[in-house]
C-alpha atoms as a PDB file:
ATOM      1  CA  ASN A   1      23.265 244.259 176.906  1.00  0.00           C
ATOM      2  CA  ARG A   2      22.080 242.678 173.610  1.00  0.00           C
ATOM      3  CA  SER A   3      21.749 239.296 174.463  1.00  0.00           C
ATOM      4  CA  SER A   4      19.481 240.485 177.237  1.00  0.00           C
ATOM      5  CA  ALA A   5      16.642 241.342 174.594  1.00  0.00           C
ATOM      6  CA  VAL A   6      17.126 238.232 172.775  1.00  0.00           C
ATOM      7  CA  ASN A   7      14.421 235.726 173.534  1.00  0.00           C
ATOM      8  CA  GLY A   8      15.636 232.672 175.982  1.00  0.00           C
ATOM      9  CA  CYS A   9      14.856 230.078 173.756  1.00  0.00           C
ATOM     10  CA  HIS A  10      17.123 231.103 171.425  1.00  0.00           C
ATOM     11  CA  GLN A  11      20.025 233.340 173.060  1.00  0.00           C
ATOM     12  CA  ASN A  12      22.276 230.276 173.652  1.00  0.00           C
ATOM     13  CA  GLU A  13      21.943 229.646 169.644  1.00  0.00           C
ATOM     14  CA  LEU A  14      23.559 233.381 169.270  1.00  0.00           C
ATOM     15  CA  VAL A  15      25.812 233.216 171.954  1.00  0.00           C
ATOM     16  CA  PHE A  16      27.558 229.964 171.156  1.00  0.00           C
ATOM     17  CA  TRP A  17      28.088 229.525 167.310  1.00  0.00           C
ATOM     18  CA  LYS A  18      28.297 225.699 168.030  1.00  0.00           C
ATOM     19  CA  GLY A  19      28.494 223.327 170.566  1.00  0.00           C
ATOM     20  CA  CYS A  20      27.292 220.403 172.237  1.00  0.00           C
ATOM     21  CA  LEU A  21      24.408 220.242 174.167  1.00  0.00           C
ATOM     22  CA  PRO A  22      23.022 216.611 174.437  1.00  0.00           C
ATOM     23  CA  GLY A  23      19.449 216.401 173.200  1.00  0.00           C
ATOM     24  CA  GLY A  24      19.763 219.841 171.418  1.00  0.00           C
ATOM     25  CA  GLN A  25      19.451 220.696 167.904  1.00  0.00           C
ATOM     26  CA  GLY A  26      20.791 222.976 165.465  1.00  0.00           C
ATOM     27  CA  ASN A  27      23.987 224.878 166.215  1.00  0.00           C
ATOM     28  CA  LEU A  28      23.703 223.744 169.814  1.00  0.00           C
ATOM     29  CA  CYS A  29      24.748 220.387 168.984  1.00  0.00           C
ATOM     30  CA  LYS A  30      27.076 220.563 166.003  1.00  0.00           C
ATOM     31  CA  VAL A  31      29.836 219.054 167.557  1.00  0.00           C
ATOM     32  CA  CYS A  32      28.253 215.979 169.567  1.00  0.00           C
ATOM     33  CA  MET A  33      29.435 212.693 169.112  1.00  0.00           C
ATOM     34  CA  GLY A  34      26.010 210.556 169.839  1.00  0.00           C
ATOM     35  CA  GLY A  35      24.998 208.972 166.631  1.00  0.00           C
ATOM     36  CA  THR A  36      22.451 210.451 164.088  1.00  0.00           C
ATOM     37  CA  GLU A  37      20.252 211.431 166.810  1.00  0.00           C
ATOM     38  CA  GLU A  38      21.078 213.644 170.009  1.00  0.00           C
ATOM     39  CA  ALA A  39      21.475 211.506 172.807  1.00  0.00           C
ATOM     40  CA  ASP A  40      21.162 213.104 176.310  1.00  0.00           C
ATOM     41  CA  ASN A  41      22.602 210.290 178.158  1.00  0.00           C
ATOM     42  CA  HIS A  42      26.440 208.253 178.145  1.00  0.00           C
ATOM     43  CA  ASN A  43      25.816 207.392 174.352  1.00  0.00           C
ATOM     44  CA  GLU A  44      26.774 211.242 173.786  1.00  0.00           C
ATOM     45  CA  ARG A  45      30.857 211.821 174.144  1.00  0.00           C
ATOM     46  CA  TYR A  46      30.122 214.784 175.656  1.00  0.00           C
ATOM     47  CA  TYR A  47      27.365 214.017 177.924  1.00  0.00           C
ATOM     48  CA  GLY A  48      28.098 215.412 181.605  1.00  0.00           C
ATOM     49  CA  ASN A  49      30.837 216.968 183.545  1.00  0.00           C
ATOM     50  CA  MET A  50      33.497 214.915 182.046  1.00  0.00           C
ATOM     51  CA  GLY A  51      32.143 215.028 178.725  1.00  0.00           C
ATOM     52  CA  ALA A  52      31.971 218.397 178.868  1.00  0.00           C
ATOM     53  CA  LEU A  53      35.600 218.819 179.549  1.00  0.00           C
ATOM     54  CA  SER A  54      36.371 216.005 177.020  1.00  0.00           C
ATOM     55  CA  GLY A  55      35.376 218.445 174.427  1.00  0.00           C
ATOM     56  CA  LYS A  56      37.360 221.112 175.037  1.00  0.00           C
ATOM     57  CA  SER A  57      39.346 220.706 171.946  1.00  0.00           C
ATOM     58  CA  PHE A  58      36.261 222.101 169.916  1.00  0.00           C
ATOM     59  CA  GLY A  59      35.346 224.983 172.299  1.00  0.00           C
ATOM     60  CA  ASP A  60      36.932 227.415 175.019  1.00  0.00           C
ATOM     61  CA  VAL A  61      33.710 227.109 177.304  1.00  0.00           C
ATOM     62  CA  ALA A  62      32.433 224.106 179.418  1.00  0.00           C
ATOM     63  CA  PHE A  63      29.048 223.927 181.724  1.00  0.00           C
ATOM     64  CA  MET A  64      29.937 222.120 184.881  1.00  0.00           C
ATOM     65  CA  GLU A  65      28.601 221.331 188.344  1.00  0.00           C
ATOM     66  CA  HIS A  66      31.792 222.329 190.700  1.00  0.00           C
ATOM     67  CA  HIS A  67      30.951 218.578 192.477  1.00  0.00           C
ATOM     68  CA  SER A  68      34.750 217.088 192.005  1.00  0.00           C
ATOM     69  CA  LEU A  69      35.274 220.194 189.978  1.00  0.00           C
ATOM     70  CA  GLU A  70      39.015 220.079 190.792  1.00  0.00           C
ATOM     71  CA  SER A  71      39.611 216.381 190.162  1.00  0.00           C
ATOM     72  CA  ASN A  72      38.094 216.115 186.776  1.00  0.00           C
ATOM     73  CA  ILE A  73      39.837 218.938 185.469  1.00  0.00           C
ATOM     74  CA  GLU A  74      42.968 216.769 186.770  1.00  0.00           C
ATOM     75  CA  ARG A  75      42.287 214.061 184.715  1.00  0.00           C
ATOM     76  CA  LEU A  76      43.069 216.088 181.720  1.00  0.00           C
ATOM     77  CA  ALA A  77      44.746 218.853 182.059  1.00  0.00           C
ATOM     78  CA  ARG A  78      46.517 220.869 184.511  1.00  0.00           C
ATOM     79  CA  LEU A  79      44.085 223.051 186.866  1.00  0.00           C
ATOM     80  CA  VAL A  80      46.198 226.586 185.591  1.00  0.00           C
ATOM     81  CA  TYR A  81      44.552 225.866 182.532  1.00  0.00           C
ATOM     82  CA  PHE A  82      41.355 226.982 183.470  1.00  0.00           C
ATOM     83  CA  GLU A  83      39.333 229.768 184.754  1.00  0.00           C
ATOM     84  CA  LEU A  84      35.791 230.536 186.327  1.00  0.00           C
ATOM     85  CA  LEU A  85      33.615 232.767 184.372  1.00  0.00           C
ATOM     86  CA  CYS A  86      31.629 234.593 186.907  1.00  0.00           C
ATOM     87  CA  GLY A  87      27.578 236.023 186.267  1.00  0.00           C
ATOM     88  CA  ASP A  88      29.275 239.854 186.239  1.00  0.00           C
ATOM     89  CA  GLY A  89      31.678 239.134 183.521  1.00  0.00           C
ATOM     90  CA  SER A  90      34.557 239.017 186.173  1.00  0.00           C
ATOM     91  CA  ARG A  91      37.013 235.785 186.085  1.00  0.00           C
ATOM     92  CA  ALA A  92      38.022 233.834 189.218  1.00  0.00           C
ATOM     93  CA  PRO A  93      40.738 230.834 189.897  1.00  0.00           C
ATOM     94  CA  LEU A  94      38.773 227.405 190.293  1.00  0.00           C
ATOM     95  CA  THR A  95      39.062 227.528 194.167  1.00  0.00           C
ATOM     96  CA  GLU A  96      36.320 230.519 194.308  1.00  0.00           C
ATOM     97  CA  TRP A  97      33.394 228.398 192.728  1.00  0.00           C
ATOM     98  CA  LYS A  98      31.599 229.578 195.951  1.00  0.00           C
ATOM     99  CA  THR A  99      31.258 233.216 195.039  1.00  0.00           C
ATOM    100  CA  CYS A 100      31.647 232.675 191.060  1.00  0.00           C
ATOM    101  CA  ASN A 101      28.602 230.782 189.622  1.00  0.00           C
ATOM    102  CA  LEU A 102      25.499 231.257 187.917  1.00  0.00           C
ATOM    103  CA  GLY A 103      23.365 229.579 191.082  1.00  0.00           C
ATOM    104  CA  ALA A 104      22.676 227.030 192.509  1.00  0.00           C
ATOM    105  CA  ILE A 105      20.954 223.695 190.897  1.00  0.00           C
ATOM    106  CA  PRO A 106      18.534 221.671 192.566  1.00  0.00           C
ATOM    107  CA  SER A 107      19.415 218.006 193.698  1.00  0.00           C
ATOM    108  CA  ASN A 108      18.460 214.938 191.641  1.00  0.00           C
ATOM    109  CA  ILE A 109      15.196 213.411 192.326  1.00  0.00           C
ATOM    110  CA  VAL A 110      14.043 209.463 192.273  1.00  0.00           C
ATOM    111  CA  MET A 111      10.380 209.545 191.195  1.00  0.00           C
ATOM    112  CA  THR A 112       8.050 206.718 191.622  1.00  0.00           C
ATOM    113  CA  HIS A 113       4.670 205.450 191.652  1.00  0.00           C
ATOM    114  CA  PRO A 114       2.998 206.431 195.033  1.00  0.00           C
ATOM    115  CA  VAL A 115       2.387 202.873 195.324  1.00  0.00           C
ATOM    116  CA  LEU A 116       5.888 201.817 195.050  1.00  0.00           C
ATOM    117  CA  THR A 117       7.456 204.481 196.965  1.00  0.00           C
ATOM    118  CA  ALA A 118       8.303 202.762 200.187  1.00  0.00           C
ATOM    119  CA  ARG A 119       9.739 199.875 198.722  1.00  0.00           C
ATOM    120  CA  ILE A 120      12.205 201.705 196.474  1.00  0.00           C
ATOM    121  CA  TYR A 121      13.149 203.843 199.020  1.00  0.00           C
ATOM    122  CA  ASP A 122      14.224 201.311 201.310  1.00  0.00           C
ATOM    123  CA  LEU A 123      15.554 199.140 198.260  1.00  0.00           C
ATOM    124  CA  LEU A 124      18.126 202.085 197.568  1.00  0.00           C
ATOM    125  CA  LYS A 125      18.813 202.947 201.240  1.00  0.00           C
ATOM    126  CA  SER A 126      19.844 199.153 201.829  1.00  0.00           C
ATOM    127  CA  GLN A 127      21.606 199.312 199.307  1.00  0.00           C
ATOM    128  CA  VAL A 128      23.481 202.768 200.737  1.00  0.00           C
ATOM    129  CA  SER A 129      24.292 201.103 204.191  1.00  0.00           C
ATOM    130  CA  ARG A 130      25.910 197.971 202.751  1.00  0.00           C
ATOM    131  CA  PRO A 131      29.044 199.152 201.300  1.00  0.00           C
ATOM    132  CA  ASP A 132      30.986 195.769 201.101  1.00  0.00           C
ATOM    133  CA  SER A 133      28.068 194.131 198.697  1.00  0.00           C
ATOM    134  CA  GLY A 134      30.278 194.919 196.080  1.00  0.00           C
ATOM    135  CA  PHE A 135      27.833 197.338 194.345  1.00  0.00           C
ATOM    136  CA  HIS A 136      28.233 201.120 194.962  1.00  0.00           C
ATOM    137  CA  LEU A 137      25.438 203.105 194.062  1.00  0.00           C
ATOM    138  CA  PHE A 138      27.002 206.397 194.168  1.00  0.00           C
ATOM    139  CA  GLU A 139      30.353 205.660 192.676  1.00  0.00           C
ATOM    140  CA  SER A 140      30.374 205.425 188.461  1.00  0.00           C
ATOM    141  CA  GLN A 141      34.282 205.455 187.843  1.00  0.00           C
ATOM    142  CA  GLN A 142      34.495 201.904 188.211  1.00  0.00           C
ATOM    143  CA  TYR A 143      31.944 201.018 185.862  1.00  0.00           C
ATOM    144  CA  GLY A 144      34.223 203.639 183.149  1.00  0.00           C
ATOM    145  CA  GLU A 145      31.649 206.414 183.480  1.00  0.00           C
ATOM    146  CA  SER A 146      30.850 209.066 185.631  1.00  0.00           C
ATOM    147  CA  ASP A 147      27.430 210.295 187.410  1.00  0.00           C
ATOM    148  CA  LEU A 148      25.130 207.059 186.188  1.00  0.00           C
ATOM    149  CA  LEU A 149      22.880 206.505 188.430  1.00  0.00           C
ATOM    150  CA  PHE A 150      23.397 209.576 191.125  1.00  0.00           C
ATOM    151  CA  LYS A 151      26.161 212.063 190.855  1.00  0.00           C
ATOM    152  CA  ASP A 152      29.220 210.920 191.888  1.00  0.00           C
ATOM    153  CA  ALA A 153      29.273 213.274 194.745  1.00  0.00           C
ATOM    154  CA  THR A 154      26.084 211.693 196.255  1.00  0.00           C
ATOM    155  CA  ARG A 155      26.498 211.421 200.297  1.00  0.00           C
ATOM    156  CA  CYS A 156      23.143 210.132 201.023  1.00  0.00           C
ATOM    157  CA  LEU A 157      19.008 209.970 200.285  1.00  0.00           C
ATOM    158  CA  VAL A 158      16.759 212.074 201.859  1.00  0.00           C
ATOM    159  CA  HIS A 159      12.649 211.381 201.611  1.00  0.00           C
ATOM    160  CA  THR A 160      11.208 214.056 200.228  1.00  0.00           C
ATOM    161  CA  SER A 161       7.421 213.027 200.814  1.00  0.00           C
ATOM    162  CA  HIS A 162       6.818 216.101 202.939  1.00  0.00           C
ATOM    163  CA  MET A 163       7.338 218.387 200.322  1.00  0.00           C
ATOM    164  CA  ASP A 164       6.312 219.311 196.765  1.00  0.00           C
ATOM    165  CA  TYR A 165       7.909 220.021 193.506  1.00  0.00           C
ATOM    166  CA  ARG A 166       8.182 223.676 193.859  1.00  0.00           C
ATOM    167  CA  THR A 167       9.765 223.851 197.204  1.00  0.00           C
ATOM    168  CA  ILE A 168      12.481 221.143 196.102  1.00  0.00           C
ATOM    169  CA  LEU A 169      13.651 222.986 192.862  1.00  0.00           C
ATOM    170  CA  GLY A 170      13.563 226.619 194.969  1.00  0.00           C
ATOM    171  CA  GLU A 171      11.933 229.905 194.248  1.00  0.00           C
ATOM    172  CA  GLU A 172      14.771 231.241 192.139  1.00  0.00           C
ATOM    173  CA  PHE A 173      15.349 227.829 189.619  1.00  0.00           C
ATOM    174  CA  TYR A 174      11.773 227.849 189.263  1.00  0.00           C
ATOM    175  CA  SER A 175      11.106 231.170 188.344  1.00  0.00           C
ATOM    176  CA  GLN A 176      14.169 231.167 186.047  1.00  0.00           C
ATOM    177  CA  ALA A 177      12.422 227.556 184.431  1.00  0.00           C
ATOM    178  CA  GLU A 178       9.383 229.003 184.530  1.00  0.00           C
ATOM    179  CA  SER A 179      10.051 231.943 182.308  1.00  0.00           C
ATOM    180  CA  ILE A 180      12.003 229.893 179.794  1.00  0.00           C
ATOM    181  CA  PHE A 181       9.085 227.643 179.290  1.00  0.00           C
ATOM    182  CA  ASN A 182       6.498 230.432 178.308  1.00  0.00           C
ATOM    183  CA  CYS A 183       8.355 230.676 174.689  1.00  0.00           C
ATOM    184  CA  THR A 184       7.507 227.036 173.944  1.00  0.00           C
ATOM    185  CA  HIS A 185       5.744 226.923 170.669  1.00  0.00           C
ATOM    186  CA  SER A 186       2.677 224.743 170.438  1.00  0.00           C
ATOM    187  CA  SER A 187       1.567 225.108 166.811  1.00  0.00           C
ATOM    188  CA  GLU A 188       3.122 221.396 166.412  1.00  0.00           C
ATOM    189  CA  ASN A 189       3.178 218.900 168.971  1.00  0.00           C
ATOM    190  CA  LYS A 190       6.647 217.856 167.551  1.00  0.00           C
ATOM    191  CA  ARG A 191       7.574 221.448 168.221  1.00  0.00           C
ATOM    192  CA  LYS A 192       6.366 222.076 171.051  1.00  0.00           C
ATOM    193  CA  HIS A 193       8.000 218.932 172.758  1.00  0.00           C
ATOM    194  CA  TYR A 194      11.515 219.967 172.007  1.00  0.00           C
ATOM    195  CA  TYR A 195      11.414 223.458 173.255  1.00  0.00           C
ATOM    196  CA  ILE A 196       9.647 222.027 176.487  1.00  0.00           C
ATOM    197  CA  TYR A 197      12.852 219.119 176.571  1.00  0.00           C
ATOM    198  CA  THR A 198      15.758 221.758 175.441  1.00  0.00           C
ATOM    199  CA  SER A 199      14.100 224.958 177.475  1.00  0.00           C
ATOM    200  CA  TYR A 200      14.666 222.495 180.563  1.00  0.00           C
ATOM    201  CA  LEU A 201      18.154 221.806 179.573  1.00  0.00           C
ATOM    202  CA  PHE A 202      18.898 224.811 179.193  1.00  0.00           C
ATOM    203  CA  ALA A 203      17.778 226.500 182.498  1.00  0.00           C
ATOM    204  CA  LEU A 204      19.736 223.203 184.169  1.00  0.00           C
ATOM    205  CA  ILE A 205      23.002 224.698 181.736  1.00  0.00           C
ATOM    206  CA  TYR A 206      22.326 228.534 183.130  1.00  0.00           C
ATOM    207  CA  ASN A 207      22.804 227.125 186.795  1.00  0.00           C
ATOM    208  CA  HIS A 208      25.983 225.313 186.290  1.00  0.00           C
ATOM    209  CA  TRP A 209      29.241 226.483 186.891  1.00  0.00           C
ATOM    210  CA  ILE A 210      31.221 227.895 183.621  1.00  0.00           C
ATOM    211  CA  LEU A 211      35.100 226.608 182.955  1.00  0.00           C
ATOM    212  CA  LYS A 212      36.944 228.759 180.305  1.00  0.00           C
ATOM    213  CA  GLU A 213      40.248 227.519 179.230  1.00  0.00           C
ATOM    214  CA  LEU A 214      42.868 230.021 179.832  1.00  0.00           C
ATOM    215  CA  ASP A 215      45.426 231.420 176.631  1.00  0.00           C
ATOM    216  CA  LEU A 216      49.060 230.427 177.830  1.00  0.00           C
ATOM    217  CA  LYS A 217      50.479 231.827 174.802  1.00  0.00           C
END
């Protein structure tokens, strides 16, 4: 496999000659619509799971998480128009995402100053326990977006003060991220910052589920 011999930092640009990786540069931001700067937030039209799907007119492959996979697709197209690309090169229907995927990604983490941890945790917990407050912590659709503060598929918050970051990330994800970080450059601060930032995004992208639109001619 020729791609396996390519440096991980540049592998994505060689496989995908253009695309939109929010926050990226070069080929990977050619079709982004976030303005002059590559926005890695909701200012970018193709940011997040729904954003990846809405960009299908510019490409054939979308990197997504499995959360609400079918419901997200149904908003834009018929499910039969898509299939999964598996890690071994085969393809599968959307219902087979548990066995056809590129690996698991860790849950999102709320990081706070040690002095504020208990206060922030109690604040977030109180919002979750008050469903009639009018503010929904895990629902973004009523605000016209998706996955704003948390993933819309979030069900609860778990205190992780007893765990270190490596345990939270998981060994598989940690090892993959570490191997990509090893290719960062340090000759220029700006370049170093860019590679460290995008390498982390590549690590996340690599572990997302992949969708490909079927050719139904």
